[in-house]
C-alpha atoms as a PDB file:
ATOM      1  CA  MET A   1     -15.168  60.119 -59.892  1.00  0.00           C
ATOM      2  CA  THR A   2     -14.567  57.224 -57.483  1.00  0.00           C
ATOM      3  CA  MET A   3     -14.668  53.535 -58.322  1.00  0.00           C
ATOM      4  CA  LYS A   4     -16.501  51.332 -55.892  1.00  0.00           C
ATOM      5  CA  ARG A   5     -15.365  47.800 -55.379  1.00  0.00           C
ATOM      6  CA  ARG A   6     -18.387  45.670 -56.078  1.00  0.00           C
ATOM      7  CA  TRP A   7     -16.657  42.461 -57.133  1.00  0.00           C
ATOM      8  CA  LEU A   8     -17.049  40.843 -53.676  1.00  0.00           C
ATOM      9  CA  THR A   9     -20.576  41.749 -52.740  1.00  0.00           C
ATOM     10  CA  GLY A  10     -23.681  39.621 -52.396  1.00  0.00           C
ATOM     11  CA  PRO A  11     -23.608  36.339 -54.319  1.00  0.00           C
ATOM     12  CA  ARG A  12     -19.907  36.604 -55.174  1.00  0.00           C
ATOM     13  CA  LEU A  13     -18.986  36.927 -51.495  1.00  0.00           C
ATOM     14  CA  ILE A  14     -21.036  33.833 -50.671  1.00  0.00           C
ATOM     15  CA  GLY A  15     -19.439  31.985 -53.609  1.00  0.00           C
ATOM     16  CA  ALA A  16     -15.965  32.948 -52.370  1.00  0.00           C
ATOM     17  CA  PHE A  17     -16.777  31.615 -48.884  1.00  0.00           C
ATOM     18  CA  VAL A  18     -18.097  28.368 -50.394  1.00  0.00           C
ATOM     19  CA  MET A  19     -14.914  27.923 -52.464  1.00  0.00           C
ATOM     20  CA  VAL A  20     -12.698  28.523 -49.422  1.00  0.00           C
ATOM     21  CA  ALA A  21     -14.779  26.069 -47.376  1.00  0.00           C
ATOM     22  CA  LEU A  22     -14.469  23.436 -50.125  1.00  0.00           C
ATOM     23  CA  ALA A  23     -10.699  23.949 -50.327  1.00  0.00           C
ATOM     24  CA  VAL A  24     -10.371  23.531 -46.550  1.00  0.00           C
ATOM     25  CA  ALA A  25     -12.573  20.402 -46.660  1.00  0.00           C
ATOM     26  CA  VAL A  26     -10.415  18.866 -49.426  1.00  0.00           C
ATOM     27  CA  VAL A  27      -7.221  19.584 -47.465  1.00  0.00           C
ATOM     28  CA  PHE A  28      -8.632  17.942 -44.328  1.00  0.00           C
ATOM     29  CA  ALA A  29      -9.974  14.974 -46.308  1.00  0.00           C
ATOM     30  CA  LEU A  30      -6.633  14.254 -48.019  1.00  0.00           C
ATOM     31  CA  ARG A  31      -4.427  14.536 -44.927  1.00  0.00           C
ATOM     32  CA  ARG A  32      -2.611  11.449 -43.747  1.00  0.00           C
ATOM     33  CA  PRO A  33      -3.950   9.971 -40.515  1.00  0.00           C
ATOM     34  CA  THR A  34      -1.957  10.597 -37.367  1.00  0.00           C
ATOM     35  CA  VAL A  35       0.350   7.890 -36.068  1.00  0.00           C
ATOM     36  CA  ALA A  36       0.255   6.894 -32.408  1.00  0.00           C
ATOM     37  CA  VAL A  37       3.671   7.056 -30.754  1.00  0.00           C
ATOM     38  CA  GLU A  38       5.038   6.246 -27.323  1.00  0.00           C
ATOM     39  CA  LEU A  39       6.641   9.021 -25.322  1.00  0.00           C
ATOM     40  CA  GLY A  40       9.306   8.734 -22.666  1.00  0.00           C
ATOM     41  CA  ALA A  41      11.548  10.931 -20.585  1.00  0.00           C
ATOM     42  CA  VAL A  42      15.175  11.302 -21.651  1.00  0.00           C
ATOM     43  CA  SER A  43      17.981  11.860 -19.197  1.00  0.00           C
ATOM     44  CA  GLY A  44      21.727  12.051 -19.577  1.00  0.00           C
ATOM     45  CA  GLY A  45      24.068   9.611 -17.885  1.00  0.00           C
ATOM     46  CA  PRO A  46      26.831   7.096 -18.460  1.00  0.00           C
ATOM     47  CA  LEU A  47      26.282   4.147 -20.781  1.00  0.00           C
ATOM     48  CA  THR A  48      25.668   1.091 -18.629  1.00  0.00           C
ATOM     49  CA  ILE A  49      24.954  -1.600 -21.226  1.00  0.00           C
ATOM     50  CA  THR A  50      27.320  -2.696 -23.988  1.00  0.00           C
ATOM     51  CA  VAL A  51      27.117  -5.484 -26.549  1.00  0.00           C
ATOM     52  CA  ASP A  52      30.313  -7.284 -27.517  1.00  0.00           C
ATOM     53  CA  ASP A  53      30.165  -9.976 -30.174  1.00  0.00           C
ATOM     54  CA  LEU A  54      32.255 -11.339 -33.002  1.00  0.00           C
ATOM     55  CA  GLY A  55      31.146 -10.830 -36.557  1.00  0.00           C
ATOM     56  CA  GLU A  56      31.806 -12.794 -39.721  1.00  0.00           C
ATOM     57  CA  THR A  57      32.251 -11.269 -43.158  1.00  0.00           C
ATOM     58  CA  ARG A  58      31.311 -13.234 -46.239  1.00  0.00           C
ATOM     59  CA  VAL A  59      32.899 -11.798 -49.379  1.00  0.00           C
ATOM     60  CA  THR A  60      31.516 -13.089 -52.656  1.00  0.00           C
ATOM     61  CA  ASP A  61      33.066 -10.602 -55.090  1.00  0.00           C
ATOM     62  CA  LEU A  62      36.589  -9.329 -54.565  1.00  0.00           C
ATOM     63  CA  PHE A  63      37.262  -5.795 -55.807  1.00  0.00           C
ATOM     64  CA  ILE A  64      40.529  -3.907 -55.758  1.00  0.00           C
ATOM     65  CA  VAL A  65      40.003  -0.218 -55.098  1.00  0.00           C
ATOM     66  CA  ALA A  66      42.826   2.154 -55.934  1.00  0.00           C
ATOM     67  CA  ALA A  67      42.937   5.923 -55.504  1.00  0.00           C
ATOM     68  CA  PRO A  68      45.635   8.128 -57.043  1.00  0.00           C
ATOM     69  CA  VAL A  69      45.686  10.392 -53.968  1.00  0.00           C
ATOM     70  CA  THR A  70      47.176   9.786 -50.575  1.00  0.00           C
ATOM     71  CA  GLY A  71      44.935   9.862 -47.549  1.00  0.00           C
ATOM     72  CA  GLU A  72      43.535   8.018 -44.583  1.00  0.00           C
ATOM     73  CA  LEU A  73      40.344   5.988 -44.510  1.00  0.00           C
ATOM     74  CA  LEU A  74      38.579   5.512 -41.223  1.00  0.00           C
ATOM     75  CA  ARG A  75      36.619   2.404 -40.408  1.00  0.00           C
ATOM     76  CA  VAL A  76      33.469   2.012 -42.525  1.00  0.00           C
ATOM     77  CA  PRO A  77      30.377   1.990 -40.248  1.00  0.00           C
ATOM     78  CA  LEU A  78      28.819  -0.982 -42.064  1.00  0.00           C
END
Protein backbone atom coordinates (compact mmCIF):
# COMPACT_ATOMS: atom_id res chain seq x y z
CA MET A 1 0.00 0.00 0.00
CA THR A 2 1.57 3.30 -1.07
CA MET A 3 0.59 6.76 0.11
CA LYS A 4 0.30 9.40 -2.54
CA ARG A 5 1.12 12.96 -1.71
CA ARG A 6 -1.95 14.93 -2.63
CA TRP A 7 -1.55 17.86 -0.25
CA LEU A 8 -0.01 20.13 -2.95
CA THR A 9 -2.18 19.44 -5.94
CA GLY A 10 -4.71 21.61 -7.73
CA PRO A 11 -6.15 24.45 -5.65
CA ARG A 12 -3.65 24.01 -2.81
CA LEU A 13 -0.72 24.40 -5.20
CA ILE A 14 -2.22 27.61 -6.58
CA GLY A 15 -2.88 28.84 -3.02
CA ALA A 16 0.74 28.12 -2.07
CA PHE A 17 1.99 30.11 -5.08
CA VAL A 18 -0.32 33.01 -4.17
CA MET A 19 0.97 33.02 -0.57
CA VAL A 20 4.60 33.01 -1.73
CA ALA A 21 3.86 35.83 -4.19
CA LEU A 22 2.20 37.88 -1.43
CA ALA A 23 5.15 37.31 0.90
CA VAL A 24 7.59 38.46 -1.80
CA ALA A 25 5.41 41.52 -2.53
CA VAL A 26 5.34 42.47 1.17
CA VAL A 27 9.14 42.13 1.43
CA PHE A 28 9.67 44.36 -1.62
CA ALA A 29 7.09 46.89 -0.39
CA LEU A 30 8.68 47.25 3.06
CA ARG A 31 12.30 47.56 1.91
CA ARG A 32 14.10 50.81 2.56
CA PRO A 33 14.77 52.89 -0.54
CA THR A 34 18.28 52.88 -1.92
CA VAL A 35 20.59 55.78 -1.13
CA ALA A 36 22.56 57.46 -3.91
CA VAL A 37 26.28 57.61 -3.19
CA GLU A 38 29.31 59.06 -4.93
CA LEU A 39 32.08 56.72 -5.99
CA GLY A 40 35.74 57.50 -6.43
CA ALA A 41 39.01 55.74 -7.07
CA VAL A 42 41.33 55.15 -4.12
CA SER A 43 45.08 55.06 -4.46
CA GLY A 44 47.88 54.78 -1.95
CA GLY A 45 50.48 57.49 -1.49
CA PRO A 46 52.07 59.83 1.01
CA LEU A 47 49.94 62.27 2.97
CA THR A 48 50.37 65.69 1.40
CA ILE A 49 47.97 67.83 3.44
CA THR A 50 48.12 68.36 7.20
CA VAL A 51 46.14 70.60 9.53
CA ASP A 52 47.93 72.16 12.49
CA ASP A 53 45.94 74.28 14.92
CA LEU A 54 45.80 75.06 18.60
CA GLY A 55 42.88 73.88 20.65
CA GLU A 56 41.33 75.19 23.84
CA THR A 57 39.84 73.02 26.57
CA ARG A 58 37.05 74.35 28.73
CA VAL A 59 36.64 72.33 31.92
CA THR A 60 33.46 72.97 33.87
CA ASP A 61 33.55 70.04 36.32
CA LEU A 62 36.82 68.88 37.81
CA PHE A 63 37.03 65.17 38.63
CA ILE A 64 39.89 63.31 40.25
CA VAL A 65 40.27 59.82 38.83
CA ALA A 66 42.30 57.32 40.80
CA ALA A 67 43.07 53.70 39.93
CA PRO A 68 44.57 51.22 42.40
CA VAL A 69 46.67 49.60 39.66
CA THR A 70 49.79 50.85 37.98
CA GLY A 71 49.78 51.37 34.25
CA GLU A 72 50.20 53.76 31.38
CA LEU A 73 47.46 55.79 29.73
CA LEU A 74 47.92 56.90 26.17
CA ARG A 75 46.48 60.12 24.85
CA VAL A 76 42.67 60.11 24.69
CA PRO A 77 41.53 60.59 21.05
CA LEU A 78 38.88 63.16 22.02
